[in-house]
């Protein structure tokens, strides 16, 4: 099986030892605590699950700047985005000079303790440093960009140091059949007996083109299976909620994939909408979970018109340090149903003479309007069983 990045084995920061977990939970009750931001909580969940191996906790400012500017930390290791715990001045006052603190979950009622952190440093982050990280990671300073808004909306104090994670926020309880740590996915891949494994990232239900893209990738790399790995954390307004996506994807996999060729899983993290840089992060933690290949499509992890169609692919050739990752990138073009060929193909593979009119292409707005009216999109675009689940959801909004 492919090795994790920078380590022979995964390094999950969740406390699995029962006695240590009990002791830390009790200790946390008496520690100074801070309710962290949703992005920081997502980072803690990913660290806990081993996805961010070999990181041991939250970055200091020098490492965060290194990740943003060159994807290289101060010790020379590779990581594609800052992983920070940014808090406001009020939180710093509550912490005082404590060397160990409890991190509380902002996304669960009552703000339970999410992790215990050893405080190595507390640093002020200048507006110039925030701007550099924003511009390098998101490639824009537009406050309307949802990732920029979330990043710049945090405090300007960086608390850095190792953490020990005590729970996985709401993900494990709300999505017991779907949420998986990197450790669990590796174990399941071994149980399946898979050697070559394709990973597919999604934050949306999968239509016919996505389904066929997974089949294409599996065939082209001779894969044993595909891990459909959906984001379960916060999205932008208007995106379809995780439970609906989960139901739609499971129905598609049940009906249109052979047995023992697909795993439906999810991870707890807030979407960054950082386009190319987020594509690299996605590849990073897919290697850690055991995938050998990762599908990157046009405008992967993008939003609006902030990124070029294939920027999320060219970044792997132009900016990722050589040898940083072993996972191979499967570069996909726009994929759609050809009415001339009566099948889904990548547009770059279309025979000469094909035009846009020869493909079944529907905008997201058009699809949402159809579903809201109780009208199924064409079967060339969406499987009818999947469309039914989505129609029920959109019509429930109207009611």
Protein backbone atom coordinates (compact mmCIF):
# COMPACT_ATOMS: atom_id res chain seq x y z
CA UNK A 1 0.00 0.00 0.00
CA UNK A 2 1.14 3.54 -0.73
CA UNK A 3 2.91 5.19 2.23
CA UNK A 4 1.55 8.25 4.02
CA UNK A 5 3.34 11.50 3.26
CA UNK A 6 6.53 12.01 5.26
CA UNK A 7 6.05 8.89 7.37
CA UNK A 8 6.04 5.10 7.15
CA UNK A 9 2.78 4.98 9.07
CA UNK A 10 -0.17 7.25 9.71
CA UNK A 11 0.09 9.56 12.72
CA UNK A 12 -3.49 10.22 13.85
CA UNK A 13 -3.77 12.66 16.73
CA UNK A 14 -6.96 11.18 18.13
CA UNK A 15 -6.44 9.64 21.58
CA UNK A 16 -7.41 6.00 21.12
CA UNK A 17 -6.06 4.75 24.45
CA UNK A 18 -9.07 4.54 26.77
CA UNK A 19 -7.19 5.44 29.95
CA UNK A 20 -5.41 8.41 28.38
CA UNK A 21 -8.66 9.60 26.80
CA UNK A 22 -10.43 9.48 30.16
CA UNK A 23 -7.57 11.29 31.92
CA UNK A 24 -7.37 14.05 29.29
CA UNK A 25 -11.15 14.50 29.27
CA UNK A 26 -11.11 14.98 33.04
CA UNK A 27 -8.07 17.29 32.89
CA UNK A 28 -9.73 19.42 30.20
CA UNK A 29 -12.49 20.36 32.66
CA UNK A 30 -9.98 22.37 34.71
CA UNK A 31 -7.99 23.86 31.82
CA UNK A 32 -8.45 27.37 30.41
CA UNK A 33 -10.48 26.93 27.25
CA UNK A 34 -11.27 28.72 24.01
CA UNK A 35 -14.06 28.07 21.53
CA UNK A 36 -12.19 27.91 18.24
CA UNK A 37 -13.41 28.82 14.75
CA UNK A 38 -15.09 26.35 12.42
CA UNK A 39 -12.02 26.24 10.10
CA UNK A 40 -9.78 25.44 13.09
CA UNK A 41 -12.22 22.77 14.29
CA UNK A 42 -12.11 21.19 10.84
CA UNK A 43 -8.32 21.20 10.99
CA UNK A 44 -8.47 19.47 14.38
CA UNK A 45 -10.77 16.76 13.03
CA UNK A 46 -8.46 16.15 10.07
CA UNK A 47 -5.42 16.03 12.34
CA UNK A 48 -7.24 13.62 14.64
CA UNK A 49 -8.08 11.28 11.77
CA UNK A 50 -4.53 11.12 10.45
CA UNK A 51 -5.37 12.94 7.21
CA UNK A 52 -2.75 15.63 7.87
CA UNK A 53 0.09 13.20 8.76
CA UNK A 54 2.82 14.02 9.75
CA UNK A 55 1.64 17.32 11.31
CA UNK A 56 1.46 17.22 15.10
CA UNK A 57 -0.80 20.22 15.59
CA UNK A 58 -1.40 23.82 14.61
CA UNK A 59 1.31 25.73 12.73
CA UNK A 60 3.17 28.77 13.96
CA UNK A 61 3.28 31.84 11.74
CA UNK A 62 6.60 30.94 10.09
CA UNK A 63 5.31 27.52 9.06
CA UNK A 64 1.97 28.94 7.93
CA UNK A 65 3.76 31.50 5.77
CA UNK A 66 6.03 28.79 4.36
CA UNK A 67 3.01 26.63 3.50
CA UNK A 68 1.29 29.56 1.81
CA UNK A 69 4.26 30.89 -0.12
CA UNK A 70 6.10 27.74 -1.20
CA UNK A 71 4.22 24.79 0.33
CA UNK A 72 7.36 24.11 2.39
CA UNK A 73 7.52 24.36 6.20
CA UNK A 74 10.53 25.58 8.17
CA UNK A 75 11.81 22.02 8.69
CA UNK A 76 11.73 21.40 4.92
CA UNK A 77 8.61 19.22 4.96
CA UNK A 78 5.77 19.66 2.50
CA UNK A 79 2.30 20.96 3.26
CA UNK A 80 0.12 22.89 0.80
CA UNK A 81 -1.92 25.24 3.02
CA UNK A 82 -1.64 26.89 6.45
CA UNK A 83 -3.17 24.86 9.29
CA UNK A 84 -3.81 27.48 11.94
CA UNK A 85 -5.71 28.14 15.12
CA UNK A 86 -6.56 31.84 14.79
CA UNK A 87 -8.41 33.44 17.71
CA UNK A 88 -9.41 36.93 18.81
CA UNK A 89 -7.99 39.06 21.63
CA UNK A 90 -10.74 38.01 24.04
CA UNK A 91 -9.70 34.37 23.70
CA UNK A 92 -6.07 35.26 24.36
CA UNK A 93 -7.07 37.09 27.54
CA UNK A 94 -8.98 34.02 28.72
CA UNK A 95 -5.99 31.76 28.11
CA UNK A 96 -3.50 33.97 29.91
CA UNK A 97 -0.09 32.34 30.26
CA UNK A 98 -1.43 28.75 30.35
CA UNK A 99 0.79 26.16 28.70
CA UNK A 100 -2.05 23.71 28.13
CA UNK A 101 -5.57 24.62 27.04
CA UNK A 102 -8.82 22.97 25.98
CA UNK A 103 -10.16 23.68 22.50
CA UNK A 104 -13.94 23.81 22.37
CA UNK A 105 -16.08 22.90 19.38
CA UNK A 106 -17.99 25.82 17.79
CA UNK A 107 -20.24 23.51 15.77
CA UNK A 108 -21.82 21.42 18.55
CA UNK A 109 -24.35 22.70 21.07
CA UNK A 110 -22.74 23.39 24.43
CA UNK A 111 -19.28 23.71 22.86
CA UNK A 112 -17.81 20.45 24.19
CA UNK A 113 -14.05 19.95 24.35
CA UNK A 114 -12.73 18.92 20.96
CA UNK A 115 -9.03 18.66 21.79
CA UNK A 116 -6.35 19.46 24.33
CA UNK A 117 -3.50 21.64 23.11
CA UNK A 118 0.00 22.30 24.42
CA UNK A 119 0.70 25.97 23.78
CA UNK A 120 4.13 26.46 22.25
CA UNK A 121 3.61 29.97 20.99
CA UNK A 122 1.08 32.78 20.70
CA UNK A 123 1.85 35.24 17.92
CA UNK A 124 0.18 38.29 16.46
CA UNK A 125 -0.47 37.85 12.76
CA UNK A 126 -0.06 41.11 10.87
CA UNK A 127 -2.51 42.25 8.22
CA UNK A 128 0.32 41.96 5.69
CA UNK A 129 0.90 38.32 6.67
CA UNK A 130 -2.83 37.58 6.47
CA UNK A 131 -2.89 39.19 3.02
CA UNK A 132 0.04 37.08 1.79
CA UNK A 133 -1.59 33.86 2.98
CA UNK A 134 -4.94 34.87 1.49
CA UNK A 135 -3.47 35.83 -1.87
CA UNK A 136 -1.25 32.76 -2.19
CA UNK A 137 -3.85 30.22 -1.13
CA UNK A 138 -7.01 31.74 -2.62
CA UNK A 139 -5.44 33.78 -5.44
CA UNK A 140 -7.84 36.66 -4.76
CA UNK A 141 -8.53 39.38 -2.23
CA UNK A 142 -12.24 39.52 -3.05
CA UNK A 143 -14.17 39.50 0.25
CA UNK A 144 -17.12 37.90 -1.59
CA UNK A 145 -15.07 34.75 -2.15
CA UNK A 146 -16.45 32.34 0.51
CA UNK A 147 -13.03 30.97 1.42
CA UNK A 148 -11.51 34.43 1.71
CA UNK A 149 -14.43 35.57 3.85
CA UNK A 150 -13.99 32.63 6.23
CA UNK A 151 -10.21 33.05 6.45
CA UNK A 152 -10.19 36.82 6.94
CA UNK A 153 -13.09 36.61 9.39
CA UNK A 154 -10.92 34.88 11.99
CA UNK A 155 -8.89 36.51 14.75
CA UNK A 156 -5.33 37.74 14.38
CA UNK A 157 -3.69 35.67 17.12
CA UNK A 158 -2.11 32.35 16.12
CA UNK A 159 -1.89 29.71 18.85
CA UNK A 160 0.54 27.00 17.77
CA UNK A 161 1.50 23.66 19.25
CA UNK A 162 0.65 19.94 19.29
CA UNK A 163 -2.86 18.74 20.01
CA UNK A 164 -4.55 15.58 21.22
CA UNK A 165 -8.03 15.11 19.76
CA UNK A 166 -10.81 13.76 21.97
CA UNK A 167 -13.74 13.58 19.54
CA UNK A 168 -14.63 14.11 15.90
CA UNK A 169 -17.16 16.92 16.38
CA UNK A 170 -20.61 16.19 14.92
CA UNK A 171 -19.33 14.14 12.00
CA UNK A 172 -19.18 10.77 13.71
CA UNK A 173 -22.63 11.10 15.28
CA UNK A 174 -24.43 12.75 12.35
CA UNK A 175 -22.84 10.56 9.65
CA UNK A 176 -22.06 7.22 11.34
CA UNK A 177 -22.27 5.27 8.07
CA UNK A 178 -20.17 7.72 6.07
CA UNK A 179 -17.59 9.57 8.19
CA UNK A 180 -14.27 7.76 8.21
CA UNK A 181 -10.79 8.62 9.43
CA UNK A 182 -7.78 8.06 7.21
CA UNK A 183 -6.92 5.13 9.49
CA UNK A 184 -10.30 3.52 8.91
CA UNK A 185 -10.19 3.99 5.14
CA UNK A 186 -6.73 2.41 4.94
CA UNK A 187 -8.00 -0.54 6.93
CA UNK A 188 -11.06 -0.93 4.69
CA UNK A 189 -8.89 -0.79 1.55
CA UNK A 190 -6.80 -3.62 2.99
CA UNK A 191 -9.94 -5.61 3.83
CA UNK A 192 -11.14 -5.23 0.23
CA UNK A 193 -7.77 -6.45 -1.01
CA UNK A 194 -7.35 -3.41 -3.25
CA UNK A 195 -3.89 -2.35 -4.43
CA UNK A 196 -4.61 0.36 -6.99
CA UNK A 197 -7.21 2.78 -5.65
CA UNK A 198 -8.81 5.84 -7.25
CA UNK A 199 -10.15 8.64 -5.03
CA UNK A 200 -12.97 10.94 -6.12
CA UNK A 201 -13.68 14.19 -4.29
CA UNK A 202 -17.19 15.62 -4.18
CA UNK A 203 -19.18 18.27 -2.39
CA UNK A 204 -22.22 17.72 -4.64
CA UNK A 205 -24.45 14.81 -5.65
CA UNK A 206 -22.94 12.89 -8.56
CA UNK A 207 -24.57 13.08 -11.98
CA UNK A 208 -23.94 10.71 -14.89
CA UNK A 209 -20.72 12.44 -15.94
CA UNK A 210 -19.20 12.07 -12.44
CA UNK A 211 -20.24 8.42 -12.30
CA UNK A 212 -18.73 7.67 -15.70
CA UNK A 213 -15.59 9.64 -14.83
CA UNK A 214 -14.98 7.26 -11.93
CA UNK A 215 -15.46 4.28 -14.26
CA UNK A 216 -13.09 5.83 -16.83
CA UNK A 217 -10.38 6.47 -14.26
CA UNK A 218 -10.67 2.96 -12.83
CA UNK A 219 -10.38 1.45 -16.30
CA UNK A 220 -7.48 3.67 -17.40
CA UNK A 221 -5.32 2.96 -14.33
CA UNK A 222 -6.55 -0.63 -13.89
CA UNK A 223 -7.82 0.15 -10.40
CA UNK A 224 -9.32 -2.38 -8.02
CA UNK A 225 -11.75 0.14 -6.58
CA UNK A 226 -12.77 3.77 -6.12
CA UNK A 227 -13.23 5.66 -2.86
CA UNK A 228 -15.93 8.28 -3.28
CA UNK A 229 -14.91 10.69 -0.55
CA UNK A 230 -17.39 13.46 0.18
CA UNK A 231 -16.91 16.57 2.23
CA UNK A 232 -19.26 16.62 5.22
CA UNK A 233 -18.40 20.04 6.66
CA UNK A 234 -19.57 23.56 6.00
CA UNK A 235 -20.35 24.66 2.46
CA UNK A 236 -21.48 27.92 0.90
CA UNK A 237 -25.18 28.88 0.92
CA UNK A 238 -27.13 27.04 -1.76
CA UNK A 239 -25.03 23.87 -1.77
CA UNK A 240 -26.93 20.64 -1.14
CA UNK A 241 -26.72 19.39 2.48
CA UNK A 242 -24.52 16.41 3.25
CA UNK A 243 -27.34 13.98 4.18
CA UNK A 244 -29.03 14.52 0.81
CA UNK A 245 -25.75 14.13 -1.08
CA UNK A 246 -24.99 11.00 0.90
CA UNK A 247 -28.33 9.38 0.05
CA UNK A 248 -28.03 10.28 -3.65
CA UNK A 249 -24.47 8.99 -3.99
CA UNK A 250 -25.25 5.75 -2.15
CA UNK A 251 -28.19 5.07 -4.46
CA UNK A 252 -26.01 5.65 -7.53
CA UNK A 253 -23.24 3.36 -6.21
CA UNK A 254 -25.72 0.65 -5.25
CA UNK A 255 -27.24 0.51 -8.73
CA UNK A 256 -24.43 1.39 -11.11
CA UNK A 257 -21.16 0.03 -9.69
CA UNK A 258 -20.22 -3.67 -9.51
CA UNK A 259 -19.95 -5.19 -6.01
CA UNK A 260 -16.68 -4.65 -4.13
CA UNK A 261 -15.54 -1.81 -6.40
CA UNK A 262 -16.70 1.30 -4.55
CA UNK A 263 -16.48 2.70 -1.03
CA UNK A 264 -18.75 5.59 0.04
CA UNK A 265 -16.98 7.63 2.70
CA UNK A 266 -16.78 11.18 3.99
CA UNK A 267 -14.47 13.49 5.90
CA UNK A 268 -15.05 16.33 8.35
CA UNK A 269 -13.69 19.59 6.99
CA UNK A 270 -14.98 22.96 5.85
CA UNK A 271 -14.70 23.65 2.12
CA UNK A 272 -12.02 26.24 1.33
CA UNK A 273 -13.07 26.89 -2.28
CA UNK A 274 -9.37 27.53 -2.91
CA UNK A 275 -9.27 25.94 -6.36
CA UNK A 276 -5.74 24.86 -7.35
CA UNK A 277 -4.27 24.99 -3.85
CA UNK A 278 -7.16 23.03 -2.42
CA UNK A 279 -6.71 20.42 -5.16
CA UNK A 280 -3.19 19.86 -3.84
CA UNK A 281 -4.51 19.55 -0.28
CA UNK A 282 -7.10 17.05 -1.50
CA UNK A 283 -4.39 14.96 -3.16
CA UNK A 284 -2.26 15.20 0.00
CA UNK A 285 -4.78 13.65 2.33
CA UNK A 286 -6.00 11.14 -0.28
CA UNK A 287 -2.49 9.68 -0.34
CA UNK A 288 -2.60 9.54 3.44
CA UNK A 289 -5.87 7.60 3.36
CA UNK A 290 -4.35 5.05 0.94
CA UNK A 291 -5.39 6.13 -2.56
CA UNK A 292 -2.84 5.68 -5.34
CA UNK A 293 -4.66 7.92 -7.86
CA UNK A 294 -6.77 11.05 -7.47
CA UNK A 295 -9.18 12.51 -10.02
CA UNK A 296 -8.74 16.23 -10.60
CA UNK A 297 -11.25 17.79 -12.96
CA UNK A 298 -11.54 21.19 -14.51
CA UNK A 299 -12.13 23.94 -11.92
CA UNK A 300 -11.58 21.45 -9.09
CA UNK A 301 -12.63 22.94 -5.71
CA UNK A 302 -13.34 26.24 -7.41
CA UNK A 303 -16.12 28.77 -7.05
CA UNK A 304 -17.33 31.50 -9.39
CA UNK A 305 -14.80 32.63 -12.00
CA UNK A 306 -11.76 32.93 -9.74
CA UNK A 307 -9.73 30.12 -11.34
CA UNK A 308 -8.94 28.98 -14.85
CA UNK A 309 -10.48 25.75 -16.14
CA UNK A 310 -7.37 23.63 -15.64
CA UNK A 311 -5.39 25.60 -13.02
CA UNK A 312 -6.09 22.82 -10.51
CA UNK A 313 -4.21 20.40 -12.78
CA UNK A 314 -1.28 22.55 -13.89
CA UNK A 315 -0.38 23.44 -10.29
CA UNK A 316 0.85 19.87 -9.79
CA UNK A 317 3.35 20.32 -12.64
CA UNK A 318 4.29 23.94 -12.02
CA UNK A 319 4.23 24.55 -8.26
CA UNK A 320 4.20 21.34 -6.22
CA UNK A 321 7.78 20.49 -5.17
CA UNK A 322 9.20 17.49 -7.03
CA UNK A 323 8.80 14.25 -5.11
CA UNK A 324 6.48 15.79 -2.52
CA UNK A 325 3.74 13.21 -3.11
CA UNK A 326 3.58 9.71 -4.56
CA UNK A 327 -0.11 9.80 -5.46
CA UNK A 328 -0.75 10.12 -9.20
CA UNK A 329 -3.13 12.73 -10.58
CA UNK A 330 -5.75 11.60 -13.06
CA UNK A 331 -6.41 14.72 -15.12
CA UNK A 332 -9.99 14.91 -16.33
CA UNK A 333 -11.60 17.18 -18.88
CA UNK A 334 -15.21 18.34 -18.87
CA UNK A 335 -17.27 15.16 -19.16
CA UNK A 336 -20.77 14.90 -20.62
CA UNK A 337 -23.17 12.69 -22.59
CA UNK A 338 -22.63 12.72 -26.34
CA UNK A 339 -25.87 12.35 -28.29
CA UNK A 340 -23.84 11.33 -31.35
CA UNK A 341 -22.02 8.49 -29.58
CA UNK A 342 -24.81 7.67 -27.08
CA UNK A 343 -22.40 7.62 -24.14
CA UNK A 344 -20.56 9.85 -21.69
CA UNK A 345 -17.13 10.99 -22.87
CA UNK A 346 -14.54 13.58 -22.02
CA UNK A 347 -14.88 16.51 -24.38
CA UNK A 348 -11.19 16.33 -25.28
CA UNK A 349 -11.85 12.82 -26.63
CA UNK A 350 -14.74 13.88 -28.84
CA UNK A 351 -14.30 12.90 -32.51
CA UNK A 352 -13.82 15.63 -35.04
CA UNK A 353 -17.07 17.35 -35.88
CA UNK A 354 -18.52 17.29 -32.36
CA UNK A 355 -19.94 20.61 -31.18
CA UNK A 356 -21.38 21.74 -27.84
CA UNK A 357 -24.83 21.09 -29.24
CA UNK A 358 -23.95 17.40 -29.45
CA UNK A 359 -23.60 17.15 -25.65
CA UNK A 360 -26.25 17.14 -22.92
CA UNK A 361 -25.13 20.17 -20.94
CA UNK A 362 -27.22 21.74 -18.19
CA UNK A 363 -26.25 24.58 -15.86
CA UNK A 364 -26.55 24.11 -12.12
CA UNK A 365 -29.24 26.79 -12.05
CA UNK A 366 -31.25 25.02 -14.74
CA UNK A 367 -30.99 21.68 -12.94
CA UNK A 368 -32.11 23.21 -9.62
CA UNK A 369 -35.09 24.83 -11.34
CA UNK A 370 -36.12 21.52 -12.91
CA UNK A 371 -35.77 19.59 -9.66
CA UNK A 372 -37.72 22.26 -7.79
CA UNK A 373 -40.60 21.84 -10.24
CA UNK A 374 -40.54 18.08 -9.72
CA UNK A 375 -39.13 17.62 -13.20
CA UNK A 376 -36.33 15.08 -13.61
CA UNK A 377 -33.32 16.11 -15.72
CA UNK A 378 -32.72 13.97 -18.81
CA UNK A 379 -31.50 10.44 -17.97
CA UNK A 380 -28.37 11.23 -20.02
CA UNK A 381 -27.56 13.85 -17.36
CA UNK A 382 -28.78 12.29 -14.12
CA UNK A 383 -29.81 8.79 -13.10
CA UNK A 384 -33.58 8.81 -12.44
CA UNK A 385 -33.16 7.21 -9.00
CA UNK A 386 -30.74 9.97 -8.02
CA UNK A 387 -32.96 12.67 -9.50
CA UNK A 388 -35.88 11.43 -7.39
CA UNK A 389 -33.93 11.97 -4.16
CA UNK A 390 -32.93 15.47 -5.26
CA UNK A 391 -36.46 16.37 -6.42
CA UNK A 392 -37.84 15.40 -3.02
CA UNK A 393 -35.25 17.65 -1.36
CA UNK A 394 -35.88 20.72 -3.53
CA UNK A 395 -39.63 20.37 -3.30
CA UNK A 396 -39.36 20.16 0.49
CA UNK A 397 -37.67 23.56 0.42
CA UNK A 398 -40.66 25.07 -1.35
CA UNK A 399 -43.02 23.60 1.22
